[in-house]
Amino acid sequence: MLNNRLVYYNKAGLLYYRQKPVNLLVRRVNTLFVLSCSVCLVLLLFACSSDKQFSTDENIVYCEKQVFKTLASIPLDTPNIPRNIKDDEGNWRYVNYKDWTSGFWPGTLWYLYEATKNDSLKQEAERFTSELYNLSIEPAFDHDLGFQIFNSYGHAYKLTGDEEYKEVVLRTADTLATLYNPKVGTILSWPRSVPNMEWPQHNTIIDNMINLELLFWASKNGGTKNLYDIAVRHAETTMKNHFRNDYTSYHVVVYDKDSGERIKQVTHQGYADETMWARGQSWAIYGYTMVYRETKDQRFLDFAQKVTDVYLEKLPKDLIPYWDFNAPDIPNAPKDASAAGVVASGLLELSTFVKDQNKARHYREVAEKMITSLSSAEYQSRDKNSAFITHVTGHKPNGTEVDTSINYGDYYYIEALVRLKKLQQGIGLGKNL
């Protein structure tokens, strides 16, 4: 049970431990010694790999090696969750549990534990998962609870069966549901003033599609049916209002909070309101594939294919998109490898649902080519830093996290590798949890 583990409590921005600090230090030294020994073995194994022949196992080993390097440099005190590579020396910028990306790091550790059964990774996954506990007992301050809690506590419950992890997931789903506006039919993304969002009107971003998985799962594992209904209504309303006639996605839709009428369709992180922001389209591909999995409603499977096909038609030769498909400086515009990871992972799952075998085979083959491209010397970080992949772009209009490594790029890359390995073994993906 969690009470018998090393549990971290965030209070006033500080970390408190059940063990005395000196015992924690000893534990960290012992853990890092074990990790350093593992690194030597991993380095030997990975030295045999090359870009000429793609190997799922070798690239999982590569990710394990990179994680050990990151763990060896993480500070003991908060903030200590790696978010992005901040400088040319390869140093991470760290955030605390409130950052919207905080769940990707523990989620990455859980995926690697699932793939390798390395108990040292399990201990670190438990450690960083526990740091996010307060999100389950505090009021919602944005929609990203799915990214944060489902990626961490959700994975923890899947792999351990610990009921305390489950309770955190269920409680957080109820918290996310408090942002739902029944007059609009979607979950509010940013319950605060954000430029160009007409606050206090109701804003919804395409990213929010991913957080619906938390509600679907909770509704089927002890939560109320209302959570399922909210998720379906959000997906339906987004399908109606968030897409152009060619099935490319807007980033943000602003609604009248009282009437539910659509006010405007704009961007926040894309190049312009009418352009296709790469990661936004990737959220749509992944999100509607997941919604079909949870509902088995043919409308969502058809729509997932439509938003997928327009994305695939516009990709460059290496299958890694520029940060915005309509950026004026292409081919000199920065890429967004994180969008490629999201789509590759989503395509693998989509390929298992599509009944047309030729199309299903096409989706699977393209996904594998994307993963192979991400696994090349061009996109893996390797000796540049301890992340998995590079050439990720976070917020180009704001000039932040441009052409670097970011934790969600790594998360979806390892998820794609784990999913591909399961398919190669004939296991099938089934539900994520």
Protein backbone atom coordinates (compact mmCIF):
# COMPACT_ATOMS: atom_id res chain seq x y z
CA MET A 1 0.00 0.00 0.00
CA LEU A 2 1.03 3.57 -0.46
CA ASN A 3 1.38 4.13 3.26
CA ASN A 4 4.30 1.70 3.31
CA ARG A 5 6.13 3.48 0.51
CA LEU A 6 8.30 6.55 0.42
CA VAL A 7 5.57 9.17 0.09
CA TYR A 8 6.22 12.83 -0.79
CA TYR A 9 3.91 15.61 0.37
CA ASN A 10 3.97 19.03 -1.22
CA LYS A 11 3.37 21.75 1.36
CA ALA A 12 4.06 25.39 0.63
CA GLY A 13 6.33 24.34 -2.21
CA LEU A 14 8.50 22.11 -0.01
CA LEU A 15 8.92 18.36 0.13
CA TYR A 16 8.39 16.34 3.29
CA TYR A 17 9.41 12.71 3.69
CA ARG A 18 8.41 9.88 5.99
CA GLN A 19 12.09 8.98 6.37
CA LYS A 20 14.64 11.28 7.88
CA PRO A 21 16.57 13.29 5.26
CA VAL A 22 19.79 11.37 5.97
CA ASN A 23 18.01 8.07 5.29
CA LEU A 24 16.59 9.48 2.07
CA LEU A 25 20.08 10.50 0.98
CA VAL A 26 21.41 7.03 1.64
CA ARG A 27 18.53 5.56 -0.29
CA ARG A 28 19.20 7.84 -3.24
CA VAL A 29 22.90 6.98 -3.26
CA ASN A 30 22.13 3.26 -3.16
CA THR A 31 19.52 3.59 -5.90
CA LEU A 32 21.83 5.59 -8.15
CA PHE A 33 24.59 3.02 -7.63
CA VAL A 34 22.25 0.31 -8.91
CA LEU A 35 21.19 2.55 -11.78
CA SER A 36 24.79 3.33 -12.72
CA CYS A 37 25.55 -0.40 -12.94
CA SER A 38 22.51 -0.84 -15.16
CA VAL A 39 23.66 2.02 -17.36
CA CYS A 40 26.90 0.18 -18.13
CA LEU A 41 24.95 -2.85 -19.32
CA VAL A 42 22.53 -0.71 -21.31
CA LEU A 43 25.37 1.16 -23.00
CA LEU A 44 26.91 -2.12 -24.12
CA LEU A 45 23.63 -3.31 -25.55
CA PHE A 46 22.81 -0.06 -27.28
CA ALA A 47 26.26 0.21 -28.82
CA CYS A 48 25.27 -2.65 -31.10
CA SER A 49 22.30 -0.75 -32.58
CA SER A 50 22.30 1.31 -35.76
CA ASP A 51 19.88 3.34 -37.84
CA LYS A 52 20.15 0.77 -40.66
CA GLN A 53 17.90 -1.79 -38.99
CA PHE A 54 15.09 -0.64 -36.68
CA SER A 55 14.67 -2.64 -33.48
CA THR A 56 11.90 -1.94 -30.99
CA ASP A 57 13.83 -3.63 -28.19
CA GLU A 58 17.03 -1.71 -28.85
CA ASN A 59 15.20 1.60 -28.81
CA ILE A 60 13.47 0.75 -25.54
CA VAL A 61 16.92 -0.04 -24.15
CA TYR A 62 18.09 3.34 -25.44
CA CYS A 63 15.24 5.07 -23.58
CA GLU A 64 16.12 3.18 -20.40
CA LYS A 65 19.72 4.38 -20.70
CA GLN A 66 18.59 7.99 -21.15
CA VAL A 67 16.26 7.80 -18.14
CA PHE A 68 19.09 6.57 -15.92
CA LYS A 69 21.16 9.57 -16.99
CA THR A 70 18.32 11.92 -16.12
CA LEU A 71 17.68 10.28 -12.75
CA ALA A 72 21.32 10.72 -11.80
CA SER A 73 21.03 14.49 -12.20
CA ILE A 74 17.60 15.20 -10.65
CA PRO A 75 17.69 17.38 -7.50
CA LEU A 76 16.36 16.02 -4.21
CA ASP A 77 14.08 19.00 -3.57
CA THR A 78 11.28 20.44 -5.70
CA PRO A 79 10.96 21.48 -8.39
CA ASN A 80 12.38 18.17 -9.60
CA ILE A 81 10.14 16.99 -12.46
CA PRO A 82 12.04 17.25 -15.78
CA ARG A 83 10.08 19.32 -18.30
CA ASN A 84 12.41 20.46 -21.09
CA ILE A 85 16.09 20.84 -21.99
CA LYS A 86 16.85 24.46 -21.22
CA ASP A 87 20.37 25.03 -22.59
CA ASP A 88 23.05 23.80 -24.96
CA GLU A 89 24.73 21.89 -22.13
CA GLY A 90 21.76 19.53 -21.98
CA ASN A 91 20.47 20.59 -18.55
CA TRP A 92 16.83 20.00 -17.71
CA ARG A 93 14.42 22.67 -16.55
CA TYR A 94 12.39 21.32 -13.64
CA VAL A 95 8.78 21.99 -12.64
CA ASN A 96 6.53 20.99 -9.74
CA TYR A 97 3.29 19.04 -9.65
CA LYS A 98 1.12 21.98 -10.78
CA ASP A 99 2.74 22.22 -14.20
CA TRP A 100 0.49 20.81 -16.95
CA THR A 101 3.26 18.44 -18.05
CA SER A 102 3.95 16.99 -14.59
CA GLY A 103 2.38 13.60 -15.34
CA PHE A 104 4.49 12.81 -18.39
CA TRP A 105 7.68 12.10 -16.44
CA PRO A 106 6.19 9.52 -14.03
CA GLY A 107 4.18 8.13 -16.96
CA THR A 108 7.41 7.63 -18.90
CA LEU A 109 8.92 5.80 -15.94
CA TRP A 110 5.88 3.53 -15.68
CA TYR A 111 6.04 2.70 -19.40
CA LEU A 112 9.70 1.80 -19.09
CA TYR A 113 9.00 -0.32 -16.02
CA GLU A 114 6.25 -2.10 -17.95
CA ALA A 115 8.66 -2.78 -20.82
CA THR A 116 11.74 -3.74 -18.80
CA LYS A 117 10.44 -4.95 -15.39
CA ASN A 118 13.32 -3.01 -13.82
CA ASP A 119 12.39 -2.56 -10.14
CA SER A 120 14.58 0.53 -9.83
CA LEU A 121 12.37 2.22 -12.41
CA LYS A 122 9.29 1.14 -10.48
CA GLN A 123 10.63 2.78 -7.31
CA GLU A 124 11.30 6.02 -9.15
CA ALA A 125 7.90 5.89 -10.85
CA GLU A 126 6.24 5.53 -7.46
CA ARG A 127 8.28 8.41 -6.09
CA PHE A 128 7.33 10.88 -8.80
CA THR A 129 3.74 9.69 -8.99
CA SER A 130 3.24 10.42 -5.30
CA GLU A 131 4.34 14.02 -5.84
CA LEU A 132 1.16 14.65 -7.85
CA TYR A 133 -1.20 13.56 -5.07
CA ASN A 134 -2.38 17.07 -4.22
CA LEU A 135 -3.97 17.41 -7.65
CA SER A 136 -6.61 14.95 -6.46
CA ILE A 137 -7.62 17.02 -3.43
CA GLU A 138 -7.33 20.57 -4.78
CA PRO A 139 -9.86 22.42 -6.97
CA ALA A 140 -9.23 22.18 -10.72
CA PHE A 141 -7.17 25.05 -12.11
CA ASP A 142 -7.23 23.77 -15.70
CA HIS A 143 -8.27 20.77 -17.80
CA ASP A 144 -4.92 18.98 -17.78
CA LEU A 145 -5.76 16.62 -14.92
CA GLY A 146 -5.93 13.75 -17.37
CA PHE A 147 -2.42 14.39 -18.62
CA GLN A 148 -1.25 14.73 -15.03
CA ILE A 149 -3.09 12.05 -13.07
CA PHE A 150 -4.10 9.44 -15.63
CA ASN A 151 -0.55 9.24 -16.99
CA SER A 152 0.87 8.79 -13.50
CA TYR A 153 -1.63 7.27 -11.06
CA GLY A 154 -3.51 5.56 -13.87
CA HIS A 155 -0.40 3.73 -15.02
CA ALA A 156 0.49 2.96 -11.41
CA TYR A 157 -2.86 1.29 -10.82
CA LYS A 158 -2.65 -0.66 -14.07
CA LEU A 159 0.73 -2.12 -13.20
CA THR A 160 0.34 -2.64 -9.45
CA GLY A 161 -3.38 -3.06 -8.76
CA ASP A 162 -3.00 -0.86 -5.68
CA GLU A 163 -6.49 0.40 -4.76
CA GLU A 164 -5.11 3.66 -3.34
CA TYR A 165 -3.89 4.60 -6.79
CA LYS A 166 -7.36 3.88 -8.14
CA GLU A 167 -9.00 6.11 -5.55
CA VAL A 168 -6.80 9.02 -6.61
CA VAL A 169 -7.81 8.54 -10.25
CA LEU A 170 -11.51 8.38 -9.40
CA ARG A 171 -11.35 11.44 -7.17
CA THR A 172 -9.51 13.42 -9.83
CA ALA A 173 -12.07 12.51 -12.49
CA ASP A 174 -14.73 14.12 -10.31
CA THR A 175 -12.54 17.20 -10.02
CA LEU A 176 -12.14 17.43 -13.79
CA ALA A 177 -15.91 17.15 -14.21
CA THR A 178 -16.39 20.36 -12.21
CA LEU A 179 -15.09 22.26 -15.27
CA TYR A 180 -17.91 20.94 -17.47
CA ASN A 181 -20.47 23.48 -18.67
CA PRO A 182 -23.72 21.71 -19.71
CA LYS A 183 -24.92 24.82 -21.59
CA VAL A 184 -21.89 24.58 -23.86
CA GLY A 185 -21.31 20.85 -23.84
CA THR A 186 -17.57 20.91 -23.20
CA ILE A 187 -15.08 21.06 -20.36
CA LEU A 188 -13.58 24.49 -19.72
CA SER A 189 -9.87 24.38 -20.54
CA TRP A 190 -8.52 27.51 -18.87
CA PRO A 191 -10.66 28.78 -15.95
CA ARG A 192 -8.75 32.06 -15.89
CA SER A 193 -7.89 35.01 -18.10
CA VAL A 194 -5.82 34.02 -21.14
CA PRO A 195 -5.09 36.46 -23.99
CA ASN A 196 -7.75 36.47 -26.74
CA MET A 197 -10.03 34.04 -24.88
CA GLU A 198 -12.77 36.59 -24.02
CA TRP A 199 -12.72 35.67 -20.32
CA PRO A 200 -15.04 34.96 -18.52
CA GLN A 201 -16.52 33.25 -21.58
CA HIS A 202 -15.99 29.51 -22.03
CA ASN A 203 -12.86 28.33 -23.87
CA THR A 204 -12.04 24.80 -25.02
CA ILE A 205 -8.79 23.69 -26.66
CA ILE A 206 -8.32 20.62 -28.83
CA ASP A 207 -5.79 19.26 -26.30
CA ASN A 208 -8.74 18.60 -23.99
CA MET A 209 -9.73 15.57 -26.08
CA ILE A 210 -6.93 13.57 -24.44
CA ASN A 211 -8.21 14.27 -20.94
CA LEU A 212 -11.54 12.62 -21.72
CA GLU A 213 -9.86 9.24 -21.21
CA LEU A 214 -9.75 9.93 -17.47
CA LEU A 215 -13.53 10.40 -17.42
CA PHE A 216 -14.24 7.33 -19.55
CA TRP A 217 -12.07 5.13 -17.39
CA ALA A 218 -13.49 6.43 -14.12
CA SER A 219 -17.08 5.93 -15.31
CA LYS A 220 -16.34 2.23 -15.90
CA ASN A 221 -14.33 1.63 -12.74
CA GLY A 222 -16.44 2.93 -9.89
CA GLY A 223 -17.33 6.44 -10.98
CA THR A 224 -20.75 7.67 -12.09
CA LYS A 225 -22.25 7.32 -15.59
CA ASN A 226 -22.37 11.11 -15.70
CA LEU A 227 -18.61 11.11 -16.29
CA TYR A 228 -19.13 8.98 -19.41
CA ASP A 229 -21.91 11.27 -20.62
CA ILE A 230 -19.73 14.37 -20.15
CA ALA A 231 -16.90 12.81 -22.16
CA VAL A 232 -19.22 11.83 -25.04
CA ARG A 233 -20.91 15.24 -25.12
CA HIS A 234 -17.52 16.98 -25.12
CA ALA A 235 -16.35 14.85 -28.05
CA GLU A 236 -19.58 15.52 -29.98
CA THR A 237 -19.50 19.28 -29.39
CA THR A 238 -15.83 19.46 -30.32
CA MET A 239 -16.46 17.44 -33.50
CA LYS A 240 -19.15 19.97 -34.50
CA ASN A 241 -17.30 23.20 -33.72
CA HIS A 242 -13.55 22.59 -33.72
CA PHE A 243 -12.92 21.57 -37.34
CA ARG A 244 -12.83 23.16 -40.76
CA ASN A 245 -14.52 21.64 -43.81
CA ASP A 246 -11.28 19.79 -44.66
CA TYR A 247 -11.12 18.25 -41.14
CA THR A 248 -8.17 20.29 -39.96
CA SER A 249 -8.48 21.47 -36.38
CA TYR A 250 -8.65 24.87 -34.80
CA HIS A 251 -6.68 25.14 -31.59
CA VAL A 252 -9.30 26.98 -29.52
CA VAL A 253 -13.04 27.56 -29.68
CA VAL A 254 -14.57 30.24 -27.47
CA TYR A 255 -18.23 29.79 -26.52
CA ASP A 256 -20.75 32.01 -24.80
CA LYS A 257 -20.83 30.56 -21.31
CA ASP A 258 -24.55 31.17 -20.88
CA SER A 259 -26.05 30.40 -24.29
CA GLY A 260 -23.48 27.87 -25.50
CA GLU A 261 -23.20 29.64 -28.84
CA ARG A 262 -19.85 29.58 -30.57
CA ILE A 263 -18.17 33.00 -30.46
CA LYS A 264 -14.96 32.38 -32.41
CA GLN A 265 -12.36 29.83 -33.53
CA VAL A 266 -8.76 30.91 -32.94
CA THR A 267 -5.25 29.70 -32.23
CA HIS A 268 -3.04 30.12 -29.20
CA GLN A 269 0.03 28.10 -30.17
CA GLY A 270 -0.35 27.76 -33.94
CA TYR A 271 0.92 30.17 -36.61
CA ALA A 272 -2.49 31.73 -37.35
CA ASP A 273 -6.16 31.08 -36.68
CA GLU A 274 -6.72 29.29 -40.00
CA THR A 275 -3.53 27.19 -40.06
CA MET A 276 -3.07 23.56 -39.03
CA TRP A 277 -1.01 23.49 -35.85
CA ALA A 278 0.70 20.09 -35.91
CA ARG A 279 0.30 19.04 -32.29
CA GLY A 280 -3.31 20.22 -32.27
CA GLN A 281 -4.14 17.88 -35.15
CA SER A 282 -2.27 15.10 -33.38
CA TRP A 283 -4.46 15.53 -30.29
CA ALA A 284 -7.51 15.15 -32.54
CA ILE A 285 -6.16 11.94 -34.15
CA TYR A 286 -5.24 10.36 -30.83
CA GLY A 287 -8.31 11.68 -29.03
CA TYR A 288 -11.00 10.47 -31.42
CA THR A 289 -9.31 7.09 -31.74
CA MET A 290 -9.51 6.80 -27.94
CA VAL A 291 -13.15 7.96 -27.90
CA TYR A 292 -14.06 5.22 -30.38
CA ARG A 293 -12.26 2.66 -28.21
CA GLU A 294 -14.33 3.71 -25.21
CA THR A 295 -17.72 4.11 -26.96
CA LYS A 296 -17.58 1.83 -30.03
CA ASP A 297 -19.61 4.57 -31.74
CA GLN A 298 -18.91 4.38 -35.50
CA ARG A 299 -19.19 8.18 -35.82
CA PHE A 300 -16.00 8.61 -33.85
CA LEU A 301 -14.08 5.97 -35.82
CA ASP A 302 -15.08 7.61 -39.10
CA PHE A 303 -14.06 11.00 -37.78
CA ALA A 304 -10.74 9.71 -36.45
CA GLN A 305 -9.88 8.53 -39.97
CA LYS A 306 -10.85 11.85 -41.53
CA VAL A 307 -8.67 13.92 -39.19
CA THR A 308 -5.88 11.39 -39.68
CA ASP A 309 -5.96 11.32 -43.48
CA VAL A 310 -5.65 15.08 -43.90
CA TYR A 311 -2.65 15.07 -41.56
CA LEU A 312 -0.91 12.22 -43.41
CA GLU A 313 -1.49 13.85 -46.81
CA LYS A 314 0.47 16.94 -45.80
CA LEU A 315 3.51 15.38 -44.08
CA PRO A 316 7.09 15.99 -45.28
CA LYS A 317 9.16 13.07 -46.57
CA ASP A 318 10.55 12.04 -43.17
CA LEU A 319 7.01 11.97 -41.68
CA ILE A 320 7.94 14.40 -38.88
CA PRO A 321 5.77 17.52 -39.21
CA TYR A 322 6.85 21.12 -39.06
CA TRP A 323 5.42 22.76 -35.96
CA ASP A 324 2.63 24.24 -38.10
CA PHE A 325 1.75 22.80 -41.51
CA ASN A 326 1.27 26.32 -42.87
CA ALA A 327 4.31 28.02 -41.34
CA PRO A 328 5.59 30.52 -43.94
CA ASP A 329 9.27 29.60 -43.51
CA ILE A 330 8.95 25.90 -44.42
CA PRO A 331 11.32 24.08 -45.08
CA ASN A 332 13.35 26.12 -42.59
CA ALA A 333 10.66 26.08 -39.91
CA PRO A 334 11.31 24.02 -36.75
CA LYS A 335 9.81 20.54 -36.56
CA ASP A 336 7.62 19.15 -33.77
CA ALA A 337 8.69 15.58 -33.12
CA SER A 338 6.21 15.35 -30.24
CA ALA A 339 3.31 15.54 -32.70
CA ALA A 340 4.88 12.65 -34.61
CA GLY A 341 5.04 10.59 -31.42
CA VAL A 342 1.40 11.29 -30.58
CA VAL A 343 0.25 10.39 -34.09
CA ALA A 344 2.42 7.27 -34.34
CA SER A 345 0.99 5.96 -31.09
CA GLY A 346 -2.55 6.86 -32.10
CA LEU A 347 -2.15 5.29 -35.54
CA LEU A 348 -1.05 1.99 -34.07
CA GLU A 349 -4.28 1.83 -32.10
CA LEU A 350 -6.39 3.13 -34.99
CA SER A 351 -5.00 0.39 -37.23
CA THR A 352 -6.53 -2.21 -34.92
CA PHE A 353 -10.03 -0.72 -35.25
CA VAL A 354 -10.32 -0.01 -38.98
CA LYS A 355 -12.23 -2.76 -40.79
CA ASP A 356 -10.77 -2.03 -44.24
CA GLN A 357 -7.67 -4.22 -44.11
CA ASN A 358 -5.78 -2.21 -46.73
CA LYS A 359 -6.33 1.01 -44.79
CA ALA A 360 -5.53 -0.67 -41.48
CA ARG A 361 -2.28 -1.98 -42.95
CA HIS A 362 -1.47 1.49 -44.30
CA TYR A 363 -1.95 3.10 -40.88
CA ARG A 364 0.24 0.46 -39.23
CA GLU A 365 3.00 0.83 -41.83
CA VAL A 366 3.01 4.63 -41.63
CA ALA A 367 3.13 4.48 -37.83
CA GLU A 368 6.15 2.17 -37.97
CA LYS A 369 7.89 4.48 -40.42
CA MET A 370 7.23 7.43 -38.10
CA ILE A 371 8.71 5.55 -35.14
CA THR A 372 11.71 4.55 -37.26
CA SER A 373 12.26 8.18 -38.23
CA LEU A 374 12.00 9.31 -34.61
CA SER A 375 14.53 6.61 -33.72
CA SER A 376 17.13 7.90 -36.18
CA ALA A 377 20.20 9.96 -35.38
CA GLU A 378 18.33 13.00 -36.68
CA TYR A 379 15.66 12.89 -33.98
CA GLN A 380 17.00 10.91 -31.03
CA SER A 381 18.82 13.07 -28.48
CA ARG A 382 21.55 10.48 -27.83
CA ASP A 383 24.66 12.31 -26.58
CA LYS A 384 23.14 15.79 -26.94
CA ASN A 385 21.20 15.42 -23.68
CA SER A 386 19.45 12.76 -21.60
CA ALA A 387 16.00 13.10 -23.19
CA PHE A 388 14.78 10.53 -25.72
CA ILE A 389 14.07 12.75 -28.72
CA THR A 390 14.78 16.30 -29.80
CA HIS A 391 13.38 18.77 -32.37
CA VAL A 392 10.22 19.25 -30.31
CA THR A 393 8.50 22.64 -30.43
CA GLY A 394 6.26 23.74 -27.57
CA HIS A 395 5.00 27.32 -28.05
CA LYS A 396 6.53 28.89 -31.14
CA PRO A 397 4.46 32.13 -31.13
CA ASN A 398 5.57 32.73 -27.55
CA GLY A 399 9.19 31.89 -28.39
CA THR A 400 9.38 29.19 -25.71
CA GLU A 401 10.58 25.59 -25.95
CA VAL A 402 11.39 25.85 -29.66
CA ASP A 403 13.34 22.99 -31.30
CA THR A 404 14.34 21.28 -28.06
CA SER A 405 13.47 18.21 -25.98
CA ILE A 406 10.24 18.21 -23.91
CA ASN A 407 8.89 15.53 -21.58
CA TYR A 408 5.67 14.89 -23.53
CA GLY A 409 7.70 14.20 -26.67
CA ASP A 410 9.51 11.47 -24.76
CA TYR A 411 6.28 10.13 -23.25
CA TYR A 412 4.52 9.55 -26.55
CA TYR A 413 7.67 8.16 -28.13
CA ILE A 414 8.04 5.47 -25.45
CA GLU A 415 4.28 4.82 -25.55
CA ALA A 416 4.54 4.24 -29.31
CA LEU A 417 7.48 1.87 -28.81
CA VAL A 418 5.64 -0.11 -26.11
CA ARG A 419 2.49 -0.32 -28.24
CA LEU A 420 4.47 -1.41 -31.28
CA LYS A 421 6.24 -4.12 -29.30
CA LYS A 422 2.88 -5.48 -28.12
CA LEU A 423 1.57 -5.60 -31.68
CA GLN A 424 4.74 -7.27 -32.88
CA GLN A 425 4.29 -9.92 -30.20
CA GLY A 426 0.68 -10.43 -31.22
CA ILE A 427 -0.55 -9.38 -27.79
CA GLY A 428 -2.91 -6.65 -28.98
CA LEU A 429 -3.29 -3.29 -27.32
CA GLY A 430 -6.63 -3.65 -25.57
CA LYS A 431 -7.42 -0.82 -23.22
CA ASN A 432 -4.64 1.33 -21.90
CA LEU A 433 -5.76 0.48 -18.38
